[in-house]
Amino acid sequence: MIETKRLKIYAASQNEMEQFIGSQTADALKRAYTEMLNGCIRNPEQWEWYAIWMIELRDGTHIGELCFRGLDADGVAEIGYGISEQYRNRGYASEAVKAALEWAFGHLEVTAVEAETDSGNAASKRVLEKCGFQLNGTIGEEGPRYTVSRS
């Protein structure tokens, strides 16, 4: 578990992920979260690198999720994140991503973390910039890719 001033962030168990997937109403989210669960099952020794990480306020209120989408052979992880609409614009995403980066770079094999965001998503772009990410010149499926490297 990662704890910050306002948040608790933890990799969900298989049961928690299955329940979370079952509660999703959007097919695209169900597919994405199921892919994460399958990654955990295929790579149990790297559970945290594939799991859905739950983001909660210190009182246990669920406000969002993040994930790493695996760790490649070069030590690069990709992070994704989302905060529920009613909790946006309060700095929670930046706080969660900064804490997740600290956790990731605590693993010596991690050389960089990448993310991508839709070019029209100004809020997500601000989160990435606040957390030290820089455009890397690549366009991914969701938009421009950003990278932050081990300092």
N, C-alpha and C. Protein backbone atom coordinates (compact mmCIF):
# COMPACT_ATOMS: atom_id res chain seq x y z
N MET A 1 0.84 -1.18 0.00
CA MET A 1 0.00 0.00 0.00
C MET A 1 0.89 1.25 0.00
N ILE A 2 0.45 2.23 -0.74
CA ILE A 2 1.09 3.53 -0.78
C ILE A 2 0.17 4.50 -0.04
N GLU A 3 0.74 5.28 0.84
CA GLU A 3 -0.06 6.28 1.55
C GLU A 3 0.54 7.65 1.33
N THR A 4 -0.31 8.62 1.09
CA THR A 4 0.10 10.01 0.95
C THR A 4 -0.64 10.81 2.02
N LYS A 5 -0.48 12.09 1.96
CA LYS A 5 -1.15 12.98 2.92
C LYS A 5 -2.67 12.77 2.92
N ARG A 6 -3.24 12.56 1.72
CA ARG A 6 -4.70 12.45 1.61
C ARG A 6 -5.21 11.13 1.08
N LEU A 7 -4.31 10.27 0.57
CA LEU A 7 -4.74 9.09 -0.17
C LEU A 7 -4.15 7.79 0.34
N LYS A 8 -4.87 6.70 0.04
CA LYS A 8 -4.38 5.33 0.17
C LYS A 8 -4.50 4.73 -1.23
N ILE A 9 -3.42 4.12 -1.69
CA ILE A 9 -3.39 3.56 -3.04
C ILE A 9 -2.86 2.14 -2.91
N TYR A 10 -3.60 1.17 -3.45
CA TYR A 10 -3.16 -0.22 -3.29
C TYR A 10 -3.55 -1.06 -4.49
N ALA A 11 -2.72 -2.07 -4.76
CA ALA A 11 -2.99 -3.03 -5.83
C ALA A 11 -4.10 -3.96 -5.36
N ALA A 12 -5.16 -4.04 -6.14
CA ALA A 12 -6.32 -4.86 -5.80
C ALA A 12 -5.99 -6.35 -5.90
N SER A 13 -6.67 -7.12 -5.08
CA SER A 13 -6.56 -8.57 -5.15
C SER A 13 -7.38 -9.07 -6.36
N GLN A 14 -7.25 -10.35 -6.66
CA GLN A 14 -8.04 -10.92 -7.75
C GLN A 14 -9.53 -10.76 -7.48
N ASN A 15 -9.96 -11.04 -6.26
CA ASN A 15 -11.37 -10.92 -5.92
C ASN A 15 -11.84 -9.47 -6.06
N GLU A 16 -11.05 -8.53 -5.58
CA GLU A 16 -11.42 -7.11 -5.70
C GLU A 16 -11.51 -6.70 -7.16
N MET A 17 -10.57 -7.17 -7.98
CA MET A 17 -10.62 -6.82 -9.40
C MET A 17 -11.84 -7.43 -10.07
N GLU A 18 -12.15 -8.68 -9.76
CA GLU A 18 -13.32 -9.33 -10.35
C GLU A 18 -14.60 -8.57 -9.98
N GLN A 19 -14.73 -8.17 -8.74
CA GLN A 19 -15.90 -7.40 -8.31
C GLN A 19 -15.95 -6.05 -9.01
N PHE A 20 -14.80 -5.40 -9.11
CA PHE A 20 -14.73 -4.09 -9.75
C PHE A 20 -15.11 -4.20 -11.23
N ILE A 21 -14.58 -5.21 -11.91
CA ILE A 21 -14.91 -5.42 -13.32
C ILE A 21 -16.41 -5.65 -13.47
N GLY A 22 -16.98 -6.46 -12.58
CA GLY A 22 -18.41 -6.73 -12.64
C GLY A 22 -19.28 -5.51 -12.43
N SER A 23 -18.75 -4.50 -11.77
CA SER A 23 -19.54 -3.28 -11.50
C SER A 23 -19.47 -2.26 -12.64
N GLN A 24 -18.62 -2.51 -13.61
CA GLN A 24 -18.45 -1.55 -14.71
C GLN A 24 -19.63 -1.63 -15.68
N THR A 25 -20.06 -0.47 -16.15
CA THR A 25 -21.17 -0.42 -17.12
C THR A 25 -20.68 -0.19 -18.55
N ALA A 26 -19.49 0.34 -18.70
CA ALA A 26 -18.94 0.59 -20.04
C ALA A 26 -18.15 -0.62 -20.51
N ASP A 27 -18.48 -1.13 -21.69
CA ASP A 27 -17.80 -2.30 -22.24
C ASP A 27 -16.30 -2.08 -22.41
N ALA A 28 -15.91 -0.88 -22.83
CA ALA A 28 -14.48 -0.60 -23.03
C ALA A 28 -13.71 -0.71 -21.72
N LEU A 29 -14.30 -0.23 -20.63
CA LEU A 29 -13.64 -0.34 -19.32
C LEU A 29 -13.60 -1.78 -18.85
N LYS A 30 -14.69 -2.52 -19.07
CA LYS A 30 -14.69 -3.94 -18.69
C LYS A 30 -13.57 -4.68 -19.40
N ARG A 31 -13.41 -4.42 -20.71
CA ARG A 31 -12.35 -5.08 -21.48
C ARG A 31 -10.97 -4.70 -20.96
N ALA A 32 -10.75 -3.41 -20.71
CA ALA A 32 -9.45 -2.95 -20.25
C ALA A 32 -9.12 -3.54 -18.88
N TYR A 33 -10.07 -3.51 -17.96
CA TYR A 33 -9.82 -4.03 -16.61
C TYR A 33 -9.67 -5.56 -16.63
N THR A 34 -10.40 -6.22 -17.52
CA THR A 34 -10.24 -7.68 -17.65
C THR A 34 -8.85 -8.01 -18.19
N GLU A 35 -8.35 -7.20 -19.12
CA GLU A 35 -7.00 -7.39 -19.64
C GLU A 35 -5.96 -7.25 -18.51
N MET A 36 -6.19 -6.30 -17.60
CA MET A 36 -5.28 -6.13 -16.46
C MET A 36 -5.32 -7.36 -15.55
N LEU A 37 -6.52 -7.83 -15.26
CA LEU A 37 -6.65 -9.02 -14.41
C LEU A 37 -5.95 -10.21 -15.06
N ASN A 38 -6.15 -10.39 -16.36
CA ASN A 38 -5.50 -11.49 -17.07
C ASN A 38 -3.98 -11.36 -17.01
N GLY A 39 -3.46 -10.12 -17.08
CA GLY A 39 -2.03 -9.90 -16.94
C GLY A 39 -1.53 -10.33 -15.58
N CYS A 40 -2.33 -10.05 -14.54
CA CYS A 40 -1.97 -10.47 -13.18
C CYS A 40 -1.92 -11.99 -13.07
N ILE A 41 -2.91 -12.64 -13.65
CA ILE A 41 -2.99 -14.11 -13.58
C ILE A 41 -1.84 -14.75 -14.34
N ARG A 42 -1.49 -14.19 -15.51
CA ARG A 42 -0.38 -14.72 -16.32
C ARG A 42 0.98 -14.43 -15.68
N ASN A 43 1.06 -13.34 -14.89
CA ASN A 43 2.34 -12.90 -14.32
C ASN A 43 2.19 -12.65 -12.82
N PRO A 44 1.88 -13.68 -12.05
CA PRO A 44 1.61 -13.46 -10.62
C PRO A 44 2.80 -12.87 -9.86
N GLU A 45 4.03 -13.14 -10.35
CA GLU A 45 5.21 -12.59 -9.70
C GLU A 45 5.36 -11.09 -9.94
N GLN A 46 4.58 -10.55 -10.90
CA GLN A 46 4.58 -9.12 -11.20
C GLN A 46 3.18 -8.53 -11.01
N TRP A 47 2.45 -9.04 -10.04
CA TRP A 47 1.06 -8.65 -9.82
C TRP A 47 0.87 -7.14 -9.85
N GLU A 48 1.70 -6.42 -9.08
CA GLU A 48 1.52 -4.98 -8.96
C GLU A 48 1.70 -4.24 -10.29
N TRP A 49 2.45 -4.83 -11.21
CA TRP A 49 2.69 -4.17 -12.50
C TRP A 49 1.52 -4.35 -13.47
N TYR A 50 0.57 -5.21 -13.14
CA TYR A 50 -0.59 -5.44 -14.00
C TYR A 50 -1.91 -5.11 -13.32
N ALA A 51 -1.92 -5.02 -12.01
CA ALA A 51 -3.16 -4.88 -11.23
C ALA A 51 -3.84 -3.52 -11.41
N ILE A 52 -5.10 -3.51 -11.08
CA ILE A 52 -5.82 -2.25 -10.91
C ILE A 52 -5.44 -1.75 -9.52
N TRP A 53 -4.90 -0.57 -9.44
CA TRP A 53 -4.58 0.05 -8.15
C TRP A 53 -5.75 0.95 -7.78
N MET A 54 -6.32 0.72 -6.62
CA MET A 54 -7.44 1.51 -6.14
C MET A 54 -6.92 2.77 -5.46
N ILE A 55 -7.54 3.89 -5.76
CA ILE A 55 -7.18 5.16 -5.14
C ILE A 55 -8.34 5.52 -4.22
N GLU A 56 -8.03 5.66 -2.94
CA GLU A 56 -9.05 5.99 -1.94
C GLU A 56 -8.60 7.18 -1.12
N LEU A 57 -9.58 7.94 -0.63
CA LEU A 57 -9.28 8.94 0.37
C LEU A 57 -8.90 8.21 1.65
N ARG A 58 -8.29 8.88 2.58
CA ARG A 58 -7.86 8.23 3.82
C ARG A 58 -9.03 7.61 4.58
N ASP A 59 -10.26 8.11 4.35
CA ASP A 59 -11.43 7.55 5.04
C ASP A 59 -11.99 6.32 4.34
N GLY A 60 -11.34 5.87 3.23
CA GLY A 60 -11.78 4.68 2.51
C GLY A 60 -12.69 4.95 1.33
N THR A 61 -13.01 6.21 1.06
CA THR A 61 -13.86 6.56 -0.09
C THR A 61 -13.08 6.33 -1.38
N HIS A 62 -13.63 5.48 -2.26
CA HIS A 62 -12.99 5.18 -3.55
C HIS A 62 -13.17 6.37 -4.48
N ILE A 63 -12.04 6.89 -5.02
CA ILE A 63 -12.14 8.06 -5.90
C ILE A 63 -11.53 7.83 -7.28
N GLY A 64 -10.87 6.70 -7.51
CA GLY A 64 -10.29 6.46 -8.82
C GLY A 64 -9.40 5.23 -8.83
N GLU A 65 -8.71 5.07 -9.95
CA GLU A 65 -7.83 3.92 -10.14
C GLU A 65 -6.60 4.37 -10.91
N LEU A 66 -5.57 3.55 -10.80
CA LEU A 66 -4.41 3.68 -11.67
C LEU A 66 -3.89 2.29 -11.97
N CYS A 67 -3.01 2.20 -12.95
CA CYS A 67 -2.41 0.91 -13.31
C CYS A 67 -1.07 1.19 -13.98
N PHE A 68 -0.25 0.15 -14.05
CA PHE A 68 1.05 0.28 -14.70
C PHE A 68 1.14 -0.43 -16.04
N ARG A 69 0.23 -1.30 -16.39
CA ARG A 69 0.23 -1.99 -17.68
C ARG A 69 1.52 -2.75 -17.96
N GLY A 70 2.09 -3.35 -16.93
CA GLY A 70 3.26 -4.20 -17.10
C GLY A 70 4.57 -3.44 -17.00
N LEU A 71 5.65 -4.19 -16.96
CA LEU A 71 7.01 -3.66 -16.93
C LEU A 71 7.78 -4.40 -18.01
N ASP A 72 8.30 -3.66 -19.00
CA ASP A 72 8.98 -4.35 -20.11
C ASP A 72 10.42 -4.71 -19.77
N ALA A 73 11.06 -5.42 -20.67
CA ALA A 73 12.42 -5.93 -20.44
C ALA A 73 13.45 -4.81 -20.29
N ASP A 74 13.14 -3.62 -20.81
CA ASP A 74 14.06 -2.48 -20.69
C ASP A 74 13.82 -1.68 -19.42
N GLY A 75 12.88 -2.14 -18.58
CA GLY A 75 12.60 -1.44 -17.33
C GLY A 75 11.66 -0.26 -17.48
N VAL A 76 10.88 -0.27 -18.55
CA VAL A 76 9.93 0.82 -18.78
C VAL A 76 8.52 0.33 -18.46
N ALA A 77 7.82 1.11 -17.64
CA ALA A 77 6.43 0.82 -17.29
C ALA A 77 5.56 1.92 -17.89
N GLU A 78 4.33 1.57 -18.19
CA GLU A 78 3.37 2.57 -18.65
C GLU A 78 2.33 2.74 -17.56
N ILE A 79 2.02 3.98 -17.21
CA ILE A 79 1.02 4.25 -16.18
C ILE A 79 -0.23 4.84 -16.82
N GLY A 80 -1.36 4.46 -16.27
CA GLY A 80 -2.65 5.03 -16.64
C GLY A 80 -3.37 5.36 -15.35
N TYR A 81 -4.26 6.33 -15.38
CA TYR A 81 -4.94 6.76 -14.17
C TYR A 81 -6.26 7.44 -14.50
N GLY A 82 -7.14 7.46 -13.52
CA GLY A 82 -8.40 8.16 -13.68
C GLY A 82 -9.00 8.46 -12.31
N ILE A 83 -9.58 9.62 -12.20
CA ILE A 83 -10.25 10.05 -10.97
C ILE A 83 -11.72 10.26 -11.30
N SER A 84 -12.60 9.78 -10.44
CA SER A 84 -14.04 9.95 -10.63
C SER A 84 -14.37 11.43 -10.75
N GLU A 85 -15.32 11.74 -11.61
CA GLU A 85 -15.63 13.13 -11.95
C GLU A 85 -15.85 14.03 -10.74
N GLN A 86 -16.56 13.55 -9.73
CA GLN A 86 -16.87 14.41 -8.59
C GLN A 86 -15.66 14.73 -7.72
N TYR A 87 -14.52 14.07 -7.98
CA TYR A 87 -13.30 14.31 -7.19
C TYR A 87 -12.19 14.99 -8.00
N ARG A 88 -12.50 15.39 -9.22
CA ARG A 88 -11.50 16.01 -10.08
C ARG A 88 -11.23 17.46 -9.65
N ASN A 89 -10.13 17.98 -10.16
CA ASN A 89 -9.72 19.37 -9.91
C ASN A 89 -9.42 19.67 -8.45
N ARG A 90 -8.93 18.66 -7.74
CA ARG A 90 -8.54 18.82 -6.34
C ARG A 90 -7.10 18.36 -6.10
N GLY A 91 -6.40 18.01 -7.18
CA GLY A 91 -5.01 17.59 -7.06
C GLY A 91 -4.82 16.12 -6.73
N TYR A 92 -5.91 15.35 -6.69
CA TYR A 92 -5.78 13.93 -6.33
C TYR A 92 -5.00 13.14 -7.38
N ALA A 93 -5.23 13.42 -8.65
CA ALA A 93 -4.53 12.66 -9.70
C ALA A 93 -3.03 12.91 -9.61
N SER A 94 -2.62 14.16 -9.47
CA SER A 94 -1.19 14.47 -9.35
C SER A 94 -0.59 13.81 -8.12
N GLU A 95 -1.31 13.86 -7.01
CA GLU A 95 -0.82 13.25 -5.77
C GLU A 95 -0.65 11.74 -5.94
N ALA A 96 -1.63 11.10 -6.58
CA ALA A 96 -1.57 9.65 -6.78
C ALA A 96 -0.46 9.27 -7.75
N VAL A 97 -0.33 9.99 -8.85
CA VAL A 97 0.69 9.66 -9.84
C VAL A 97 2.09 9.89 -9.26
N LYS A 98 2.30 10.99 -8.53
CA LYS A 98 3.61 11.23 -7.90
C LYS A 98 3.96 10.09 -6.95
N ALA A 99 3.00 9.66 -6.15
CA ALA A 99 3.25 8.56 -5.21
C ALA A 99 3.53 7.26 -5.95
N ALA A 100 2.80 7.00 -7.02
CA ALA A 100 3.01 5.78 -7.81
C ALA A 100 4.38 5.80 -8.48
N LEU A 101 4.82 6.97 -8.94
CA LEU A 101 6.15 7.08 -9.54
C LEU A 101 7.24 6.80 -8.50
N GLU A 102 7.05 7.34 -7.31
CA GLU A 102 8.02 7.08 -6.24
C GLU A 102 8.10 5.58 -5.95
N TRP A 103 6.94 4.93 -5.92
CA TRP A 103 6.90 3.48 -5.70
C TRP A 103 7.64 2.77 -6.84
N ALA A 104 7.31 3.14 -8.08
CA ALA A 104 7.91 2.47 -9.25
C ALA A 104 9.43 2.64 -9.25
N PHE A 105 9.90 3.86 -9.04
CA PHE A 105 11.34 4.11 -9.09
C PHE A 105 12.05 3.56 -7.85
N GLY A 106 11.30 3.09 -6.89
CA GLY A 106 11.88 2.36 -5.77
C GLY A 106 12.35 0.97 -6.16
N HIS A 107 11.97 0.54 -7.35
CA HIS A 107 12.40 -0.75 -7.92
C HIS A 107 13.57 -0.45 -8.86
N LEU A 108 14.73 -0.97 -8.54
CA LEU A 108 15.95 -0.63 -9.29
C LEU A 108 15.86 -0.96 -10.77
N GLU A 109 15.04 -1.95 -11.13
CA GLU A 109 14.95 -2.33 -12.55
C GLU A 109 14.15 -1.32 -13.39
N VAL A 110 13.45 -0.40 -12.75
CA VAL A 110 12.65 0.58 -13.48
C VAL A 110 13.54 1.73 -13.94
N THR A 111 13.57 1.95 -15.25
CA THR A 111 14.39 3.02 -15.83
C THR A 111 13.55 4.23 -16.22
N ALA A 112 12.27 3.99 -16.55
CA ALA A 112 11.40 5.10 -16.98
C ALA A 112 9.94 4.66 -16.85
N VAL A 113 9.09 5.67 -16.79
CA VAL A 113 7.65 5.43 -16.80
C VAL A 113 7.07 6.29 -17.91
N GLU A 114 6.20 5.70 -18.70
CA GLU A 114 5.56 6.41 -19.81
C GLU A 114 4.06 6.51 -19.57
N ALA A 115 3.46 7.47 -20.24
CA ALA A 115 2.01 7.65 -20.21
C ALA A 115 1.59 8.28 -21.53
N GLU A 116 0.33 8.15 -21.84
CA GLU A 116 -0.18 8.87 -22.99
C GLU A 116 -1.56 9.40 -22.65
N THR A 117 -1.89 10.49 -23.30
CA THR A 117 -3.19 11.10 -23.04
C THR A 117 -3.71 11.72 -24.32
N ASP A 118 -5.00 11.79 -24.42
CA ASP A 118 -5.64 12.43 -25.56
C ASP A 118 -5.15 13.88 -25.62
N SER A 119 -4.81 14.33 -26.80
CA SER A 119 -4.25 15.69 -26.94
C SER A 119 -5.22 16.77 -26.46
N GLY A 120 -6.52 16.47 -26.42
CA GLY A 120 -7.50 17.44 -25.93
C GLY A 120 -7.76 17.37 -24.45
N ASN A 121 -7.10 16.46 -23.74
CA ASN A 121 -7.33 16.29 -22.31
C ASN A 121 -6.33 17.16 -21.54
N ALA A 122 -6.67 18.44 -21.39
CA ALA A 122 -5.77 19.40 -20.75
C ALA A 122 -5.48 19.04 -19.30
N ALA A 123 -6.47 18.53 -18.58
CA ALA A 123 -6.28 18.19 -17.17
C ALA A 123 -5.26 17.07 -17.02
N SER A 124 -5.35 16.03 -17.85
CA SER A 124 -4.41 14.92 -17.78
C SER A 124 -3.01 15.38 -18.18
N LYS A 125 -2.92 16.24 -19.18
CA LYS A 125 -1.64 16.80 -19.60
C LYS A 125 -1.01 17.56 -18.44
N ARG A 126 -1.79 18.35 -17.69
CA ARG A 126 -1.26 19.09 -16.53
C ARG A 126 -0.75 18.13 -15.46
N VAL A 127 -1.48 17.04 -15.22
CA VAL A 127 -1.03 16.04 -14.24
C VAL A 127 0.34 15.52 -14.64
N LEU A 128 0.48 15.13 -15.89
CA LEU A 128 1.75 14.57 -16.36
C LEU A 128 2.89 15.59 -16.21
N GLU A 129 2.62 16.84 -16.59
CA GLU A 129 3.65 17.86 -16.48
C GLU A 129 4.03 18.12 -15.02
N LYS A 130 3.05 18.17 -14.13
CA LYS A 130 3.32 18.37 -12.70
C LYS A 130 4.17 17.25 -12.13
N CYS A 131 4.04 16.07 -12.70
CA CYS A 131 4.75 14.89 -12.21
C CYS A 131 6.09 14.67 -12.91
N GLY A 132 6.51 15.61 -13.76
CA GLY A 132 7.82 15.54 -14.39
C GLY A 132 7.88 14.86 -15.73
N PHE A 133 6.75 14.46 -16.28
CA PHE A 133 6.73 13.82 -17.59
C PHE A 133 7.00 14.86 -18.68
N GLN A 134 7.65 14.41 -19.75
CA GLN A 134 7.88 15.27 -20.91
C GLN A 134 7.47 14.51 -22.17
N LEU A 135 6.98 15.26 -23.15
CA LEU A 135 6.65 14.65 -24.44
C LEU A 135 7.87 13.91 -24.97
N ASN A 136 7.64 12.71 -25.53
CA ASN A 136 8.78 11.96 -26.06
C ASN A 136 8.76 11.85 -27.59
N GLY A 137 7.82 12.52 -28.24
CA GLY A 137 7.78 12.55 -29.70
C GLY A 137 7.03 11.40 -30.35
N THR A 138 6.46 10.51 -29.54
CA THR A 138 5.72 9.36 -30.06
C THR A 138 4.23 9.59 -29.87
N ILE A 139 3.44 9.13 -30.82
CA ILE A 139 1.99 9.18 -30.69
C ILE A 139 1.50 7.75 -30.46
N GLY A 140 0.77 7.53 -29.38
CA GLY A 140 0.23 6.21 -29.06
C GLY A 140 -1.22 6.11 -29.48
N GLU A 141 -1.87 5.05 -29.07
CA GLU A 141 -3.28 4.83 -29.41
C GLU A 141 -4.19 5.91 -28.86
N GLU A 142 -3.86 6.44 -27.68
CA GLU A 142 -4.71 7.45 -27.04
C GLU A 142 -4.25 8.87 -27.30
N GLY A 143 -3.04 9.04 -27.84
CA GLY A 143 -2.52 10.38 -28.11
C GLY A 143 -1.04 10.47 -27.84
N PRO A 144 -0.54 11.69 -27.65
CA PRO A 144 0.90 11.90 -27.42
C PRO A 144 1.40 11.13 -26.19
N ARG A 145 2.62 10.60 -26.32
CA ARG A 145 3.24 9.85 -25.22
C ARG A 145 4.22 10.76 -24.47
N TYR A 146 4.26 10.54 -23.17
CA TYR A 146 5.12 11.29 -22.27
C TYR A 146 6.00 10.31 -21.51
N THR A 147 7.19 10.75 -21.11
CA THR A 147 8.12 9.91 -20.37
C THR A 147 8.72 10.68 -19.20
N VAL A 148 8.92 9.98 -18.10
CA VAL A 148 9.74 10.48 -17.00
C VAL A 148 10.74 9.37 -16.71
N SER A 149 12.02 9.76 -16.62
CA SER A 149 13.08 8.79 -16.39
C SER A 149 13.60 8.88 -14.97
N ARG A 150 14.25 7.80 -14.56
CA ARG A 150 14.88 7.78 -13.24
C ARG A 150 15.85 8.96 -13.16
N SER A 151 15.78 9.69 -12.06
CA SER A 151 16.68 10.84 -11.93
C SER A 151 17.94 10.50 -11.18
